[in-house]
Amino acid sequence: MNFRAATIAVFFTVTFTIAAAQWRPRCYRKPSAGYCYGRLLRWFYDHKARQCRMFTYSGCFGNFNRFSSEQECLQVCSARQRSHPVCGMGPEVGMCNSSVPMWYFDAGMGVCRGFLYSGCGGNSNKFSSCQECMSRCSGDYHARGICKFLTRRFAKQFYKREPTKSHESRRPSESEGNLSYPILNAQELLEDVSRPSLSPRLEDSAKNSVHRRGWTKGSG
């Protein structure tokens, strides 16, 4: 492999790695120095401390949680949090007995998560779709791509977990098992992002073929 081909391969490998890590909203990403050799002073937003901090940037690659000044950092990230106080509220399922799939913004994780809403009461941190939730609370332009994975994962978990408890607790809890209103872990929701899709097993393919043709056991 010549030098040019090797350079192109490295470039696309690095670019793909960075793109795969860009699912987190801008102001919630960890600072990234990049892959070059410069020493540039830049600012990133620390969402846990709710303030902007300085770091050393290499000059290339990295992510979008990078600003040329503290003022720019605060204007983009801090102002966004103040303008949407509803996004900082904890999830509340309400006081009725329905099980409506909804979404709330987890400010600690910087991502929207699925839960089952009772149908009445609760607070305003609930949205009918992941994309609506992400667009409102994170302002992330990757919301559509992120939500494609989140929604698919939530749908699998929603139909897998059947309500088995009475509606005693009206606040979701991750420590309980078999919840009537399951809240899914953000990392669990994002498993499909990093996991390559596998071809179905041959036996599954055969079963699907039989089902499509209307054959059943015992049919000649």
C-alpha atoms as a PDB file:
ATOM      1  CA  MET A   1       0.000   0.000   0.000  1.00  0.00           C
ATOM      2  CA  ASN A   2       1.532   3.336  -1.046  1.00  0.00           C
ATOM      3  CA  PHE A   3       1.753   6.418   1.153  1.00  0.00           C
ATOM      4  CA  ARG A   4      -1.227   8.178  -0.445  1.00  0.00           C
ATOM      5  CA  ALA A   5      -3.532   5.189   0.004  1.00  0.00           C
ATOM      6  CA  ALA A   6      -2.391   4.769   3.610  1.00  0.00           C
ATOM      7  CA  THR A   7      -3.048   8.459   4.314  1.00  0.00           C
ATOM      8  CA  ILE A   8      -6.555   8.246   2.850  1.00  0.00           C
ATOM      9  CA  ALA A   9      -7.297   5.102   4.870  1.00  0.00           C
ATOM     10  CA  VAL A  10      -6.171   6.768   8.111  1.00  0.00           C
ATOM     11  CA  PHE A  11      -8.199   9.892   7.315  1.00  0.00           C
ATOM     12  CA  PHE A  12     -11.441   7.977   6.765  1.00  0.00           C
ATOM     13  CA  THR A  13     -10.829   5.779   9.807  1.00  0.00           C
ATOM     14  CA  VAL A  14     -10.392   8.814  12.056  1.00  0.00           C
ATOM     15  CA  THR A  15     -13.340  10.615  10.470  1.00  0.00           C
ATOM     16  CA  PHE A  16     -15.630   7.593  10.938  1.00  0.00           C
ATOM     17  CA  THR A  17     -14.528   7.178  14.566  1.00  0.00           C
ATOM     18  CA  ILE A  18     -15.298  10.810  15.316  1.00  0.00           C
ATOM     19  CA  ALA A  19     -18.656  10.693  13.529  1.00  0.00           C
ATOM     20  CA  ALA A  20     -19.689   7.604  15.489  1.00  0.00           C
ATOM     21  CA  ALA A  21     -19.027   9.438  18.751  1.00  0.00           C
ATOM     22  CA  GLN A  22     -21.022  12.535  17.780  1.00  0.00           C
ATOM     23  CA  TRP A  23     -24.395  11.235  18.985  1.00  0.00           C
ATOM     24  CA  ARG A  24     -24.264  13.289  22.174  1.00  0.00           C
ATOM     25  CA  PRO A  25     -25.681  16.821  21.996  1.00  0.00           C
ATOM     26  CA  ARG A  26     -23.033  19.478  21.514  1.00  0.00           C
ATOM     27  CA  CYS A  27     -22.983  20.949  25.007  1.00  0.00           C
ATOM     28  CA  TYR A  28     -22.935  17.511  26.682  1.00  0.00           C
ATOM     29  CA  ARG A  29     -19.907  16.043  24.922  1.00  0.00           C
ATOM     30  CA  LYS A  30     -16.586  15.579  26.634  1.00  0.00           C
ATOM     31  CA  PRO A  31     -13.793  17.890  25.433  1.00  0.00           C
ATOM     32  CA  SER A  32     -11.681  16.407  22.659  1.00  0.00           C
ATOM     33  CA  ALA A  33      -8.168  17.650  21.902  1.00  0.00           C
ATOM     34  CA  GLY A  34      -8.161  16.174  18.385  1.00  0.00           C
ATOM     35  CA  TYR A  35      -5.296  14.476  16.564  1.00  0.00           C
ATOM     36  CA  CYS A  36      -2.858  17.210  15.494  1.00  0.00           C
ATOM     37  CA  TYR A  37       0.105  18.791  17.276  1.00  0.00           C
ATOM     38  CA  GLY A  38      -1.010  22.355  17.951  1.00  0.00           C
ATOM     39  CA  ARG A  39      -1.615  23.843  21.388  1.00  0.00           C
ATOM     40  CA  LEU A  40      -4.577  26.181  21.075  1.00  0.00           C
ATOM     41  CA  LEU A  41      -6.553  27.401  24.067  1.00  0.00           C
ATOM     42  CA  ARG A  42     -10.259  26.742  23.619  1.00  0.00           C
ATOM     43  CA  TRP A  43     -13.367  26.491  25.801  1.00  0.00           C
ATOM     44  CA  PHE A  44     -15.805  23.623  26.346  1.00  0.00           C
ATOM     45  CA  TYR A  45     -19.058  23.430  28.300  1.00  0.00           C
ATOM     46  CA  ASP A  46     -19.049  21.207  31.397  1.00  0.00           C
ATOM     47  CA  HIS A  47     -22.739  20.320  31.719  1.00  0.00           C
ATOM     48  CA  LYS A  48     -22.291  18.724  35.154  1.00  0.00           C
ATOM     49  CA  ALA A  49     -20.703  21.849  36.633  1.00  0.00           C
ATOM     50  CA  ARG A  50     -22.874  24.061  34.394  1.00  0.00           C
ATOM     51  CA  GLN A  51     -19.952  26.266  33.455  1.00  0.00           C
ATOM     52  CA  CYS A  52     -17.405  26.696  30.683  1.00  0.00           C
ATOM     53  CA  ARG A  53     -13.842  25.481  31.142  1.00  0.00           C
ATOM     54  CA  MET A  54     -10.618  25.924  29.207  1.00  0.00           C
ATOM     55  CA  PHE A  55      -8.727  23.108  27.481  1.00  0.00           C
ATOM     56  CA  THR A  56      -5.908  22.671  24.969  1.00  0.00           C
ATOM     57  CA  TYR A  57      -6.966  21.880  21.400  1.00  0.00           C
ATOM     58  CA  SER A  58      -4.569  20.257  18.915  1.00  0.00           C
ATOM     59  CA  GLY A  59      -5.892  22.130  15.884  1.00  0.00           C
ATOM     60  CA  CYS A  60      -7.798  19.434  13.975  1.00  0.00           C
ATOM     61  CA  PHE A  61     -10.688  16.999  14.417  1.00  0.00           C
ATOM     62  CA  GLY A  62     -12.214  16.839  17.923  1.00  0.00           C
ATOM     63  CA  ASN A  63     -15.922  17.513  18.414  1.00  0.00           C
ATOM     64  CA  PHE A  64     -18.273  20.501  18.424  1.00  0.00           C
ATOM     65  CA  ASN A  65     -18.120  21.194  22.155  1.00  0.00           C
ATOM     66  CA  ARG A  66     -15.362  23.679  21.439  1.00  0.00           C
ATOM     67  CA  PHE A  67     -15.546  27.464  21.501  1.00  0.00           C
ATOM     68  CA  SER A  68     -13.072  30.255  20.857  1.00  0.00           C
ATOM     69  CA  SER A  69     -14.120  32.215  23.956  1.00  0.00           C
ATOM     70  CA  GLU A  70     -15.882  31.711  27.273  1.00  0.00           C
ATOM     71  CA  GLN A  71     -18.540  34.198  26.199  1.00  0.00           C
ATOM     72  CA  GLU A  72     -19.399  32.177  23.086  1.00  0.00           C
ATOM     73  CA  CYS A  73     -19.506  28.976  25.139  1.00  0.00           C
ATOM     74  CA  LEU A  74     -21.901  30.454  27.698  1.00  0.00           C
ATOM     75  CA  GLN A  75     -24.048  32.044  25.029  1.00  0.00           C
ATOM     76  CA  VAL A  76     -24.588  28.744  23.209  1.00  0.00           C
ATOM     77  CA  CYS A  77     -24.812  26.252  26.082  1.00  0.00           C
ATOM     78  CA  SER A  78     -25.782  28.057  29.265  1.00  0.00           C
ATOM     79  CA  ALA A  79     -28.439  30.175  27.570  1.00  0.00           C
ATOM     80  CA  ARG A  80     -29.989  27.047  26.063  1.00  0.00           C
ATOM     81  CA  GLN A  81     -30.410  25.457  29.478  1.00  0.00           C
ATOM     82  CA  ARG A  82     -31.969  28.612  30.917  1.00  0.00           C
ATOM     83  CA  SER A  83     -34.383  28.954  27.996  1.00  0.00           C
ATOM     84  CA  HIS A  84     -35.770  25.431  28.475  1.00  0.00           C
ATOM     85  CA  PRO A  85     -36.143  24.876  32.238  1.00  0.00           C
ATOM     86  CA  VAL A  86     -38.703  22.142  31.535  1.00  0.00           C
ATOM     87  CA  CYS A  87     -35.880  19.968  30.187  1.00  0.00           C
ATOM     88  CA  GLY A  88     -34.255  19.853  33.611  1.00  0.00           C
ATOM     89  CA  MET A  89     -37.305  18.427  35.370  1.00  0.00           C
ATOM     90  CA  GLY A  90     -37.352  14.812  36.485  1.00  0.00           C
ATOM     91  CA  PRO A  91     -39.789  12.423  34.738  1.00  0.00           C
ATOM     92  CA  GLU A  92     -43.248  11.981  36.270  1.00  0.00           C
ATOM     93  CA  VAL A  93     -45.691   9.346  35.071  1.00  0.00           C
ATOM     94  CA  GLY A  94     -48.797  11.085  36.451  1.00  0.00           C
ATOM     95  CA  MET A  95     -51.809   9.721  38.325  1.00  0.00           C
ATOM     96  CA  CYS A  96     -53.954   7.774  35.834  1.00  0.00           C
ATOM     97  CA  ASN A  97     -53.848   4.146  34.753  1.00  0.00           C
ATOM     98  CA  SER A  98     -52.934   4.220  31.072  1.00  0.00           C
ATOM     99  CA  SER A  99     -49.563   3.225  29.618  1.00  0.00           C
ATOM    100  CA  VAL A 100     -48.681   5.743  26.916  1.00  0.00           C
ATOM    101  CA  PRO A 101     -45.153   5.616  25.438  1.00  0.00           C
ATOM    102  CA  MET A 102     -43.597   9.066  25.904  1.00  0.00           C
ATOM    103  CA  TRP A 103     -40.155  10.655  26.005  1.00  0.00           C
ATOM    104  CA  TYR A 104     -38.415  12.872  28.553  1.00  0.00           C
ATOM    105  CA  PHE A 105     -35.049  14.643  28.480  1.00  0.00           C
ATOM    106  CA  ASP A 106     -32.427  13.322  30.894  1.00  0.00           C
ATOM    107  CA  ALA A 107     -30.319  16.418  31.601  1.00  0.00           C
ATOM    108  CA  GLY A 108     -27.624  14.365  33.301  1.00  0.00           C
ATOM    109  CA  MET A 109     -27.085  12.132  30.257  1.00  0.00           C
ATOM    110  CA  GLY A 110     -27.861  14.786  27.665  1.00  0.00           C
ATOM    111  CA  VAL A 111     -30.215  12.465  25.785  1.00  0.00           C
ATOM    112  CA  CYS A 112     -33.933  11.685  25.643  1.00  0.00           C
ATOM    113  CA  ARG A 113     -35.223   8.478  27.194  1.00  0.00           C
ATOM    114  CA  GLY A 114     -38.445   6.548  26.872  1.00  0.00           C
ATOM    115  CA  PHE A 115     -40.960   5.944  29.655  1.00  0.00           C
ATOM    116  CA  LEU A 116     -44.616   5.029  30.014  1.00  0.00           C
ATOM    117  CA  TYR A 117     -46.923   7.916  30.912  1.00  0.00           C
ATOM    118  CA  SER A 118     -50.113   7.233  32.874  1.00  0.00           C
ATOM    119  CA  GLY A 119     -52.217   9.587  30.738  1.00  0.00           C
ATOM    120  CA  CYS A 120     -52.783  12.515  33.116  1.00  0.00           C
ATOM    121  CA  GLY A 121     -50.850  14.744  35.510  1.00  0.00           C
ATOM    122  CA  GLY A 122     -47.076  14.743  35.640  1.00  0.00           C
ATOM    123  CA  ASN A 123     -44.971  17.672  34.457  1.00  0.00           C
ATOM    124  CA  SER A 124     -44.089  19.214  31.104  1.00  0.00           C
ATOM    125  CA  ASN A 125     -40.932  17.178  30.526  1.00  0.00           C
ATOM    126  CA  LYS A 126     -42.754  14.698  28.303  1.00  0.00           C
ATOM    127  CA  PHE A 127     -42.867  14.542  24.538  1.00  0.00           C
ATOM    128  CA  SER A 128     -44.728  12.381  22.060  1.00  0.00           C
ATOM    129  CA  SER A 129     -41.610  11.552  20.044  1.00  0.00           C
ATOM    130  CA  CYS A 130     -37.876  11.283  20.574  1.00  0.00           C
ATOM    131  CA  GLN A 131     -37.143  13.814  17.834  1.00  0.00           C
ATOM    132  CA  GLU A 132     -39.482  16.392  19.359  1.00  0.00           C
ATOM    133  CA  CYS A 133     -37.779  15.863  22.728  1.00  0.00           C
ATOM    134  CA  MET A 134     -34.225  16.096  21.357  1.00  0.00           C
ATOM    135  CA  SER A 135     -34.977  19.108  19.176  1.00  0.00           C
ATOM    136  CA  ARG A 136     -36.588  20.997  22.049  1.00  0.00           C
ATOM    137  CA  CYS A 137     -34.088  20.215  24.787  1.00  0.00           C
ATOM    138  CA  SER A 138     -30.735  19.507  23.165  1.00  0.00           C
ATOM    139  CA  GLY A 139     -30.960  21.495  19.947  1.00  0.00           C
ATOM    140  CA  ASP A 140     -28.817  18.783  18.408  1.00  0.00           C
ATOM    141  CA  TYR A 141     -28.833  18.669  14.627  1.00  0.00           C
ATOM    142  CA  HIS A 142     -28.188  14.915  14.718  1.00  0.00           C
ATOM    143  CA  ALA A 143     -31.541  14.396  16.473  1.00  0.00           C
ATOM    144  CA  ARG A 144     -33.131  12.475  13.609  1.00  0.00           C
ATOM    145  CA  GLY A 145     -30.268   9.992  13.358  1.00  0.00           C
ATOM    146  CA  ILE A 146     -29.990   9.592  17.125  1.00  0.00           C
ATOM    147  CA  CYS A 147     -33.702   9.015  17.539  1.00  0.00           C
ATOM    148  CA  LYS A 148     -33.764   6.350  14.850  1.00  0.00           C
ATOM    149  CA  PHE A 149     -31.779   4.124  17.211  1.00  0.00           C
ATOM    150  CA  LEU A 150     -33.434   5.297  20.425  1.00  0.00           C
ATOM    151  CA  THR A 151     -36.955   4.727  19.138  1.00  0.00           C
ATOM    152  CA  ARG A 152     -36.188   1.282  17.757  1.00  0.00           C
ATOM    153  CA  ARG A 153     -34.614   0.197  21.040  1.00  0.00           C
ATOM    154  CA  PHE A 154     -37.436   1.650  23.141  1.00  0.00           C
ATOM    155  CA  ALA A 155     -40.035  -0.130  21.003  1.00  0.00           C
ATOM    156  CA  LYS A 156     -38.309  -3.470  21.597  1.00  0.00           C
ATOM    157  CA  GLN A 157     -38.204  -2.905  25.354  1.00  0.00           C
ATOM    158  CA  PHE A 158     -41.767  -1.562  25.487  1.00  0.00           C
ATOM    159  CA  TYR A 159     -43.262  -4.708  23.983  1.00  0.00           C
ATOM    160  CA  LYS A 160     -40.914  -6.981  25.933  1.00  0.00           C
ATOM    161  CA  ARG A 161     -41.750  -5.626  29.409  1.00  0.00           C
ATOM    162  CA  GLU A 162     -45.344  -6.166  30.466  1.00  0.00           C
ATOM    163  CA  PRO A 163     -46.742  -4.201  33.426  1.00  0.00           C
ATOM    164  CA  THR A 164     -46.759  -6.465  36.451  1.00  0.00           C
ATOM    165  CA  LYS A 165     -47.020  -4.018  39.325  1.00  0.00           C
ATOM    166  CA  SER A 166     -49.916  -1.956  40.544  1.00  0.00           C
ATOM    167  CA  HIS A 167     -49.762   1.799  40.119  1.00  0.00           C
ATOM    168  CA  GLU A 168     -48.458   2.421  43.615  1.00  0.00           C
ATOM    169  CA  SER A 169     -45.464   4.593  42.806  1.00  0.00           C
ATOM    170  CA  ARG A 170     -46.101   7.554  40.563  1.00  0.00           C
ATOM    171  CA  ARG A 171     -42.420   8.358  39.952  1.00  0.00           C
ATOM    172  CA  PRO A 172     -40.337   6.041  37.787  1.00  0.00           C
ATOM    173  CA  SER A 173     -37.465   4.263  39.482  1.00  0.00           C
ATOM    174  CA  GLU A 174     -34.581   2.410  37.845  1.00  0.00           C
ATOM    175  CA  SER A 175     -33.824   0.357  40.968  1.00  0.00           C
ATOM    176  CA  GLU A 176     -37.095  -1.576  40.872  1.00  0.00           C
ATOM    177  CA  GLY A 177     -37.687  -4.614  38.704  1.00  0.00           C
ATOM    178  CA  ASN A 178     -40.675  -5.290  36.439  1.00  0.00           C
ATOM    179  CA  LEU A 179     -41.885  -1.717  36.509  1.00  0.00           C
ATOM    180  CA  SER A 180     -45.263  -0.690  35.233  1.00  0.00           C
ATOM    181  CA  TYR A 181     -43.479   2.350  33.835  1.00  0.00           C
ATOM    182  CA  PRO A 182     -39.983   1.235  32.763  1.00  0.00           C
ATOM    183  CA  ILE A 183     -37.338   3.860  32.171  1.00  0.00           C
ATOM    184  CA  LEU A 184     -34.671   2.566  29.849  1.00  0.00           C
ATOM    185  CA  ASN A 185     -30.990   3.194  30.452  1.00  0.00           C
ATOM    186  CA  ALA A 186     -29.497   5.507  27.814  1.00  0.00           C
ATOM    187  CA  GLN A 187     -26.587   3.173  27.179  1.00  0.00           C
ATOM    188  CA  GLU A 188     -29.025   0.289  26.731  1.00  0.00           C
ATOM    189  CA  LEU A 189     -30.987   2.337  24.244  1.00  0.00           C
ATOM    190  CA  LEU A 190     -27.869   3.049  22.215  1.00  0.00           C
ATOM    191  CA  GLU A 191     -26.608  -0.528  21.901  1.00  0.00           C
ATOM    192  CA  ASP A 192     -27.661  -0.632  18.271  1.00  0.00           C
ATOM    193  CA  VAL A 193     -25.449   2.346  17.407  1.00  0.00           C
ATOM    194  CA  SER A 194     -22.216   0.459  17.960  1.00  0.00           C
ATOM    195  CA  ARG A 195     -23.405  -3.098  17.364  1.00  0.00           C
ATOM    196  CA  PRO A 196     -23.135  -4.262  13.721  1.00  0.00           C
ATOM    197  CA  SER A 197     -26.269  -5.802  12.290  1.00  0.00           C
ATOM    198  CA  LEU A 198     -25.968  -9.567  11.877  1.00  0.00           C
ATOM    199  CA  SER A 199     -27.485 -11.678   9.145  1.00  0.00           C
ATOM    200  CA  PRO A 200     -30.421 -13.799  10.354  1.00  0.00           C
ATOM    201  CA  ARG A 201     -29.641 -17.421  11.089  1.00  0.00           C
ATOM    202  CA  LEU A 202     -30.369 -19.888   8.303  1.00  0.00           C
ATOM    203  CA  GLU A 203     -33.015 -21.605  10.375  1.00  0.00           C
ATOM    204  CA  ASP A 204     -34.788 -18.294  10.985  1.00  0.00           C
ATOM    205  CA  SER A 205     -34.684 -17.574   7.257  1.00  0.00           C
ATOM    206  CA  ALA A 206     -36.228 -20.977   6.560  1.00  0.00           C
ATOM    207  CA  LYS A 207     -38.991 -20.358   9.091  1.00  0.00           C
ATOM    208  CA  ASN A 208     -39.730 -16.958   7.555  1.00  0.00           C
ATOM    209  CA  SER A 209     -39.852 -18.519   4.082  1.00  0.00           C
ATOM    210  CA  VAL A 210     -42.329 -21.168   5.254  1.00  0.00           C
ATOM    211  CA  HIS A 211     -44.462 -18.523   6.936  1.00  0.00           C
ATOM    212  CA  ARG A 212     -44.560 -16.323   3.829  1.00  0.00           C
ATOM    213  CA  ARG A 213     -45.663 -19.205   1.607  1.00  0.00           C
ATOM    214  CA  GLY A 214     -48.374 -20.309   4.016  1.00  0.00           C
ATOM    215  CA  TRP A 215     -46.848 -23.711   4.695  1.00  0.00           C
ATOM    216  CA  THR A 216     -47.404 -25.306   8.070  1.00  0.00           C
ATOM    217  CA  LYS A 217     -46.249 -28.462   9.778  1.00  0.00           C
ATOM    218  CA  GLY A 218     -47.871 -31.500   8.323  1.00  0.00           C
ATOM    219  CA  SER A 219     -48.698 -29.878   4.997  1.00  0.00           C
ATOM    220  CA  GLY A 220     -47.506 -31.917   2.087  1.00  0.00           C
END
